[in-house]
Amino acid sequence: MIKGTPELIEKRREEIVNACEQLYQTMGFKEITLKEIGKVTEFSRPTIYNYFQTKEEIFLALFKREYDRWNEDLQSILDDNKTLSKEDIADKIASSLQKRKQLLRLLSMNNYEMEANSRPELLTDFKLSYGASLKLFERILKEFCTDMSDNDIQDFIYMFFPFMFGIYPYTAVTEKQRTAMEEANIDFKYQTIYDITYTYLLKLLGDK
């Protein structure tokens, strides 16, 4: 059983997640281990096990935090605007995802491992944040796209959220990948997260 007040336990969990986030800036998912995370914190690997049973659970907590941060931006779209054109909606959502590169990286590269190797209660906690994103998206469309039916909105969500899985690989191209595509005679046009998201949203919204 973990000792300490709820506040202290949460603080320690947050420190572990912060360490994981720090390592993820320069290392890949497979390279990061509990031992590596322990080096960045004041905790030993056995101590980390008191708070997370696997490294995937630590990443899932980081993933949840990314969704929570994105949800704050989605909520601001609702709170700060009375009316929005379809171009405005596409712009604001694309801008919100431009700031969430880490969310898109986790989504496209490590989603399966995190969910498969985490305890059910932590997965449920994560799904609450993910579900909040779905609900906020639905509210934005209902609020600002009054011409869309409930079925239109559901179709939109089920097309856009799977699309998010592919944003990071198309916007984070390494020199090694560029060289390989050039040698394979692939005419690849680099796009930013904003560019690719804005264009796709406009198409889904039926504005282009």
C-alpha atoms as a PDB file:
ATOM      1  CA  MET A   1       0.000   0.000   0.000  1.00  0.00           C
ATOM      2  CA  ILE A   2       1.297   3.458  -0.893  1.00  0.00           C
ATOM      3  CA  LYS A   3       2.078   5.625   2.132  1.00  0.00           C
ATOM      4  CA  GLY A   4       1.393   9.346   2.230  1.00  0.00           C
ATOM      5  CA  THR A   5      -1.426  11.823   1.812  1.00  0.00           C
ATOM      6  CA  PRO A   6      -3.360  11.885  -1.488  1.00  0.00           C
ATOM      7  CA  GLU A   7      -1.623  15.166  -2.299  1.00  0.00           C
ATOM      8  CA  LEU A   8       1.840  13.681  -1.720  1.00  0.00           C
ATOM      9  CA  ILE A   9       1.016  10.570  -3.751  1.00  0.00           C
ATOM     10  CA  GLU A  10      -0.223  12.708  -6.630  1.00  0.00           C
ATOM     11  CA  LYS A  11       2.889  14.898  -6.437  1.00  0.00           C
ATOM     12  CA  ARG A  12       5.139  11.855  -6.697  1.00  0.00           C
ATOM     13  CA  ARG A  13       3.150  10.400  -9.574  1.00  0.00           C
ATOM     14  CA  GLU A  14       3.419  13.739 -11.354  1.00  0.00           C
ATOM     15  CA  GLU A  15       7.189  13.796 -10.836  1.00  0.00           C
ATOM     16  CA  ILE A  16       7.479  10.370 -12.430  1.00  0.00           C
ATOM     17  CA  VAL A  17       5.320  11.417 -15.384  1.00  0.00           C
ATOM     18  CA  ASN A  18       7.392  14.596 -15.790  1.00  0.00           C
ATOM     19  CA  ALA A  19      10.557  12.503 -15.908  1.00  0.00           C
ATOM     20  CA  CYS A  20       9.036  10.300 -18.598  1.00  0.00           C
ATOM     21  CA  GLU A  21       8.048  13.378 -20.604  1.00  0.00           C
ATOM     22  CA  GLN A  22      11.578  14.765 -20.298  1.00  0.00           C
ATOM     23  CA  LEU A  23      13.110  11.555 -21.635  1.00  0.00           C
ATOM     24  CA  TYR A  24      10.542  11.332 -24.442  1.00  0.00           C
ATOM     25  CA  GLN A  25      11.896  14.550 -25.912  1.00  0.00           C
ATOM     26  CA  THR A  26      15.141  12.839 -26.925  1.00  0.00           C
ATOM     27  CA  MET A  27      14.448   9.099 -26.664  1.00  0.00           C
ATOM     28  CA  GLY A  28      12.050   6.649 -28.232  1.00  0.00           C
ATOM     29  CA  PHE A  29       9.318   4.723 -26.446  1.00  0.00           C
ATOM     30  CA  LYS A  30      11.235   1.434 -26.512  1.00  0.00           C
ATOM     31  CA  GLU A  31      14.435   3.049 -25.214  1.00  0.00           C
ATOM     32  CA  ILE A  32      12.764   4.452 -22.114  1.00  0.00           C
ATOM     33  CA  THR A  33      12.731   2.077 -19.167  1.00  0.00           C
ATOM     34  CA  LEU A  34      11.768   2.359 -15.516  1.00  0.00           C
ATOM     35  CA  LYS A  35      15.482   2.419 -14.758  1.00  0.00           C
ATOM     36  CA  GLU A  36      15.990   5.418 -17.066  1.00  0.00           C
ATOM     37  CA  ILE A  37      12.992   7.172 -15.525  1.00  0.00           C
ATOM     38  CA  GLY A  38      14.405   6.504 -12.068  1.00  0.00           C
ATOM     39  CA  LYS A  39      17.619   8.277 -13.016  1.00  0.00           C
ATOM     40  CA  VAL A  40      15.691  11.490 -13.684  1.00  0.00           C
ATOM     41  CA  THR A  41      13.730  11.345 -10.418  1.00  0.00           C
ATOM     42  CA  GLU A  42      14.620  10.868  -6.767  1.00  0.00           C
ATOM     43  CA  PHE A  43      12.965   7.453  -6.815  1.00  0.00           C
ATOM     44  CA  SER A  44      14.469   4.005  -7.264  1.00  0.00           C
ATOM     45  CA  ARG A  45      12.868   1.538  -9.649  1.00  0.00           C
ATOM     46  CA  PRO A  46      11.238  -0.425  -6.766  1.00  0.00           C
ATOM     47  CA  THR A  47       9.766   2.847  -5.458  1.00  0.00           C
ATOM     48  CA  ILE A  48       8.311   3.685  -8.871  1.00  0.00           C
ATOM     49  CA  TYR A  49       6.451   0.351  -8.758  1.00  0.00           C
ATOM     50  CA  ASN A  50       4.447   1.753  -5.840  1.00  0.00           C
ATOM     51  CA  TYR A  51       2.872   4.241  -8.222  1.00  0.00           C
ATOM     52  CA  PHE A  52       2.988   2.580 -11.655  1.00  0.00           C
ATOM     53  CA  GLN A  53       3.285  -1.131 -12.413  1.00  0.00           C
ATOM     54  CA  THR A  54       4.626  -0.705 -15.957  1.00  0.00           C
ATOM     55  CA  LYS A  55       6.276   2.003 -18.028  1.00  0.00           C
ATOM     56  CA  GLU A  56       3.173   1.890 -20.233  1.00  0.00           C
ATOM     57  CA  GLU A  57       1.120   3.113 -17.270  1.00  0.00           C
ATOM     58  CA  ILE A  58       3.464   6.084 -16.911  1.00  0.00           C
ATOM     59  CA  PHE A  59       3.088   6.863 -20.599  1.00  0.00           C
ATOM     60  CA  LEU A  60      -0.677   6.465 -20.326  1.00  0.00           C
ATOM     61  CA  ALA A  61      -0.682   9.086 -17.555  1.00  0.00           C
ATOM     62  CA  LEU A  62       1.326  11.374 -19.836  1.00  0.00           C
ATOM     63  CA  PHE A  63      -1.109  10.628 -22.674  1.00  0.00           C
ATOM     64  CA  LYS A  64      -4.056  11.500 -20.415  1.00  0.00           C
ATOM     65  CA  ARG A  65      -2.405  14.768 -19.465  1.00  0.00           C
ATOM     66  CA  GLU A  66      -1.999  15.641 -23.137  1.00  0.00           C
ATOM     67  CA  TYR A  67      -5.705  15.073 -23.750  1.00  0.00           C
ATOM     68  CA  ASP A  68      -6.528  17.193 -20.686  1.00  0.00           C
ATOM     69  CA  ARG A  69      -4.388  20.027 -22.074  1.00  0.00           C
ATOM     70  CA  TRP A  70      -6.069  19.755 -25.465  1.00  0.00           C
ATOM     71  CA  ASN A  71      -9.468  19.732 -23.762  1.00  0.00           C
ATOM     72  CA  GLU A  72      -8.656  23.084 -22.164  1.00  0.00           C
ATOM     73  CA  ASP A  73      -8.095  24.564 -25.629  1.00  0.00           C
ATOM     74  CA  LEU A  74     -11.303  22.993 -26.986  1.00  0.00           C
ATOM     75  CA  GLN A  75     -13.220  24.388 -24.030  1.00  0.00           C
ATOM     76  CA  SER A  76     -11.758  27.837 -24.741  1.00  0.00           C
ATOM     77  CA  ILE A  77     -13.094  27.662 -28.299  1.00  0.00           C
ATOM     78  CA  LEU A  78     -16.572  27.239 -26.811  1.00  0.00           C
ATOM     79  CA  ASP A  79     -16.151  29.821 -24.058  1.00  0.00           C
ATOM     80  CA  ASP A  80     -14.492  32.594 -26.061  1.00  0.00           C
ATOM     81  CA  ASN A  81     -16.652  32.669 -29.194  1.00  0.00           C
ATOM     82  CA  LYS A  82     -20.308  33.351 -29.935  1.00  0.00           C
ATOM     83  CA  THR A  83     -20.149  32.547 -33.637  1.00  0.00           C
ATOM     84  CA  LEU A  84     -17.518  30.923 -35.847  1.00  0.00           C
ATOM     85  CA  SER A  85     -17.337  30.329 -39.579  1.00  0.00           C
ATOM     86  CA  LYS A  86     -16.206  26.934 -40.829  1.00  0.00           C
ATOM     87  CA  GLU A  87     -12.843  28.469 -41.708  1.00  0.00           C
ATOM     88  CA  ASP A  88     -12.597  29.784 -38.126  1.00  0.00           C
ATOM     89  CA  ILE A  89     -13.413  26.352 -36.677  1.00  0.00           C
ATOM     90  CA  ALA A  90     -10.785  24.694 -38.855  1.00  0.00           C
ATOM     91  CA  ASP A  91      -8.245  27.370 -37.889  1.00  0.00           C
ATOM     92  CA  LYS A  92      -8.831  27.141 -34.150  1.00  0.00           C
ATOM     93  CA  ILE A  93      -8.836  23.342 -33.982  1.00  0.00           C
ATOM     94  CA  ALA A  94      -5.770  23.108 -36.233  1.00  0.00           C
ATOM     95  CA  SER A  95      -4.017  25.685 -34.037  1.00  0.00           C
ATOM     96  CA  SER A  96      -4.900  23.712 -30.905  1.00  0.00           C
ATOM     97  CA  LEU A  97      -3.367  20.527 -32.356  1.00  0.00           C
ATOM     98  CA  GLN A  98      -0.284  22.396 -33.551  1.00  0.00           C
ATOM     99  CA  LYS A  99       0.526  22.828 -29.834  1.00  0.00           C
ATOM    100  CA  ARG A 100      -0.092  19.156 -29.078  1.00  0.00           C
ATOM    101  CA  LYS A 101       2.696  17.479 -31.052  1.00  0.00           C
ATOM    102  CA  GLN A 102       3.375  15.159 -28.131  1.00  0.00           C
ATOM    103  CA  LEU A 103      -0.273  14.056 -28.074  1.00  0.00           C
ATOM    104  CA  LEU A 104      -0.115  13.204 -31.777  1.00  0.00           C
ATOM    105  CA  ARG A 105       3.177  11.361 -31.371  1.00  0.00           C
ATOM    106  CA  LEU A 106       1.804   9.224 -28.553  1.00  0.00           C
ATOM    107  CA  LEU A 107      -1.389   8.610 -30.503  1.00  0.00           C
ATOM    108  CA  SER A 108       0.311   7.470 -33.689  1.00  0.00           C
ATOM    109  CA  MET A 109       3.227   5.510 -32.265  1.00  0.00           C
ATOM    110  CA  ASN A 110       2.478   4.075 -28.829  1.00  0.00           C
ATOM    111  CA  ASN A 111      -1.289   3.975 -28.286  1.00  0.00           C
ATOM    112  CA  TYR A 112      -1.667   0.188 -28.472  1.00  0.00           C
ATOM    113  CA  GLU A 113       1.201  -0.638 -26.088  1.00  0.00           C
ATOM    114  CA  MET A 114       0.008   1.861 -23.484  1.00  0.00           C
ATOM    115  CA  GLU A 115      -3.559   0.614 -23.459  1.00  0.00           C
ATOM    116  CA  ALA A 116      -2.648  -3.090 -23.613  1.00  0.00           C
ATOM    117  CA  ASN A 117      -0.179  -2.933 -20.716  1.00  0.00           C
ATOM    118  CA  SER A 118      -2.017  -0.759 -18.213  1.00  0.00           C
ATOM    119  CA  ARG A 119      -4.389  -1.716 -15.403  1.00  0.00           C
ATOM    120  CA  PRO A 120      -8.139  -1.405 -16.192  1.00  0.00           C
ATOM    121  CA  GLU A 121      -8.714   1.391 -13.675  1.00  0.00           C
ATOM    122  CA  LEU A 122      -5.949   3.536 -15.191  1.00  0.00           C
ATOM    123  CA  LEU A 123      -7.220   2.827 -18.693  1.00  0.00           C
ATOM    124  CA  THR A 124     -10.694   3.940 -17.618  1.00  0.00           C
ATOM    125  CA  ASP A 125      -9.233   7.139 -16.155  1.00  0.00           C
ATOM    126  CA  PHE A 126      -7.482   7.803 -19.458  1.00  0.00           C
ATOM    127  CA  LYS A 127     -10.655   7.093 -21.452  1.00  0.00           C
ATOM    128  CA  LEU A 128     -12.490   9.726 -19.410  1.00  0.00           C
ATOM    129  CA  SER A 129     -10.099  12.384 -20.760  1.00  0.00           C
ATOM    130  CA  TYR A 130     -10.343  10.976 -24.280  1.00  0.00           C
ATOM    131  CA  GLY A 131     -14.131  10.899 -23.991  1.00  0.00           C
ATOM    132  CA  ALA A 132     -14.118  14.534 -22.874  1.00  0.00           C
ATOM    133  CA  SER A 133     -12.373  15.401 -26.154  1.00  0.00           C
ATOM    134  CA  LEU A 134     -15.108  13.658 -28.130  1.00  0.00           C
ATOM    135  CA  LYS A 135     -17.822  15.480 -26.190  1.00  0.00           C
ATOM    136  CA  LEU A 136     -16.151  18.887 -26.559  1.00  0.00           C
ATOM    137  CA  PHE A 137     -15.748  18.311 -30.287  1.00  0.00           C
ATOM    138  CA  GLU A 138     -19.434  17.437 -30.522  1.00  0.00           C
ATOM    139  CA  ARG A 139     -20.370  20.581 -28.602  1.00  0.00           C
ATOM    140  CA  ILE A 140     -18.243  22.770 -30.891  1.00  0.00           C
ATOM    141  CA  LEU A 141     -19.942  21.370 -33.979  1.00  0.00           C
ATOM    142  CA  LYS A 142     -23.429  21.687 -32.479  1.00  0.00           C
ATOM    143  CA  GLU A 143     -22.736  25.243 -31.345  1.00  0.00           C
ATOM    144  CA  PHE A 144     -21.169  26.631 -34.499  1.00  0.00           C
ATOM    145  CA  CYS A 145     -22.358  24.349 -37.334  1.00  0.00           C
ATOM    146  CA  THR A 146     -26.116  24.519 -36.988  1.00  0.00           C
ATOM    147  CA  ASP A 147     -26.594  23.071 -40.472  1.00  0.00           C
ATOM    148  CA  MET A 148     -25.115  19.737 -39.351  1.00  0.00           C
ATOM    149  CA  SER A 149     -27.465  16.987 -38.157  1.00  0.00           C
ATOM    150  CA  ASP A 150     -26.633  14.663 -35.275  1.00  0.00           C
ATOM    151  CA  ASN A 151     -25.688  11.985 -37.811  1.00  0.00           C
ATOM    152  CA  ASP A 152     -23.455  14.464 -39.663  1.00  0.00           C
ATOM    153  CA  ILE A 153     -21.676  15.276 -36.418  1.00  0.00           C
ATOM    154  CA  GLN A 154     -21.168  11.616 -35.529  1.00  0.00           C
ATOM    155  CA  ASP A 155     -19.813  10.906 -39.015  1.00  0.00           C
ATOM    156  CA  PHE A 156     -17.476  13.896 -38.698  1.00  0.00           C
ATOM    157  CA  ILE A 157     -16.092  12.688 -35.360  1.00  0.00           C
ATOM    158  CA  TYR A 158     -15.595   9.119 -36.599  1.00  0.00           C
ATOM    159  CA  MET A 159     -13.635  10.436 -39.562  1.00  0.00           C
ATOM    160  CA  PHE A 160     -11.573  13.086 -37.781  1.00  0.00           C
ATOM    161  CA  PHE A 161     -10.406  11.186 -34.705  1.00  0.00           C
ATOM    162  CA  PRO A 162      -8.983   8.229 -36.691  1.00  0.00           C
ATOM    163  CA  PHE A 163      -7.347  10.813 -38.975  1.00  0.00           C
ATOM    164  CA  MET A 164      -5.442  12.117 -35.956  1.00  0.00           C
ATOM    165  CA  PHE A 165      -3.501   8.839 -35.782  1.00  0.00           C
ATOM    166  CA  GLY A 166      -1.777   9.723 -39.046  1.00  0.00           C
ATOM    167  CA  ILE A 167      -0.936  13.392 -38.496  1.00  0.00           C
ATOM    168  CA  TYR A 168       2.383  12.923 -36.696  1.00  0.00           C
ATOM    169  CA  PRO A 169       4.042  10.552 -39.217  1.00  0.00           C
ATOM    170  CA  TYR A 170       3.231  12.951 -42.049  1.00  0.00           C
ATOM    171  CA  THR A 171       4.506  16.034 -40.242  1.00  0.00           C
ATOM    172  CA  ALA A 172       7.610  14.723 -38.438  1.00  0.00           C
ATOM    173  CA  VAL A 173       9.861  13.463 -41.213  1.00  0.00           C
ATOM    174  CA  THR A 174      13.515  12.719 -40.446  1.00  0.00           C
ATOM    175  CA  GLU A 175      16.397  13.348 -42.832  1.00  0.00           C
ATOM    176  CA  LYS A 176      16.789   9.596 -43.170  1.00  0.00           C
ATOM    177  CA  GLN A 177      13.173   9.326 -44.312  1.00  0.00           C
ATOM    178  CA  ARG A 178      13.548  12.281 -46.692  1.00  0.00           C
ATOM    179  CA  THR A 179      16.584  10.679 -48.294  1.00  0.00           C
ATOM    180  CA  ALA A 180      14.819   7.340 -48.650  1.00  0.00           C
ATOM    181  CA  MET A 181      11.803   8.983 -50.304  1.00  0.00           C
ATOM    182  CA  GLU A 182      14.034  10.899 -52.704  1.00  0.00           C
ATOM    183  CA  GLU A 183      15.860   7.705 -53.666  1.00  0.00           C
ATOM    184  CA  ALA A 184      12.497   5.978 -54.136  1.00  0.00           C
ATOM    185  CA  ASN A 185      11.346   8.881 -56.365  1.00  0.00           C
ATOM    186  CA  ILE A 186       8.475   9.776 -54.044  1.00  0.00           C
ATOM    187  CA  ASP A 187       7.392  13.386 -54.447  1.00  0.00           C
ATOM    188  CA  PHE A 188       6.716  14.183 -50.786  1.00  0.00           C
ATOM    189  CA  LYS A 189       5.427  17.612 -49.810  1.00  0.00           C
ATOM    190  CA  TYR A 190       6.143  18.473 -46.174  1.00  0.00           C
ATOM    191  CA  GLN A 191       3.207  19.948 -44.242  1.00  0.00           C
ATOM    192  CA  THR A 192       2.925  21.264 -40.719  1.00  0.00           C
ATOM    193  CA  ILE A 193       0.441  19.888 -38.209  1.00  0.00           C
ATOM    194  CA  TYR A 194      -1.593  23.037 -38.753  1.00  0.00           C
ATOM    195  CA  ASP A 195      -1.556  22.755 -42.560  1.00  0.00           C
ATOM    196  CA  ILE A 196      -2.673  19.146 -42.804  1.00  0.00           C
ATOM    197  CA  THR A 197      -5.295  19.499 -40.062  1.00  0.00           C
ATOM    198  CA  TYR A 198      -6.769  22.744 -41.387  1.00  0.00           C
ATOM    199  CA  THR A 199      -7.110  21.380 -44.930  1.00  0.00           C
ATOM    200  CA  TYR A 200      -8.753  18.150 -43.785  1.00  0.00           C
ATOM    201  CA  LEU A 201     -11.162  19.947 -41.443  1.00  0.00           C
ATOM    202  CA  LEU A 202     -12.329  22.232 -44.232  1.00  0.00           C
ATOM    203  CA  LYS A 203     -13.032  19.214 -46.424  1.00  0.00           C
ATOM    204  CA  LEU A 204     -14.980  17.498 -43.640  1.00  0.00           C
ATOM    205  CA  LEU A 205     -16.921  20.662 -42.939  1.00  0.00           C
ATOM    206  CA  GLY A 206     -17.852  20.844 -46.604  1.00  0.00           C
ATOM    207  CA  ASP A 207     -16.341  24.242 -47.148  1.00  0.00           C
ATOM    208  CA  LYS A 208     -13.971  23.196 -49.950  1.00  0.00           C
END
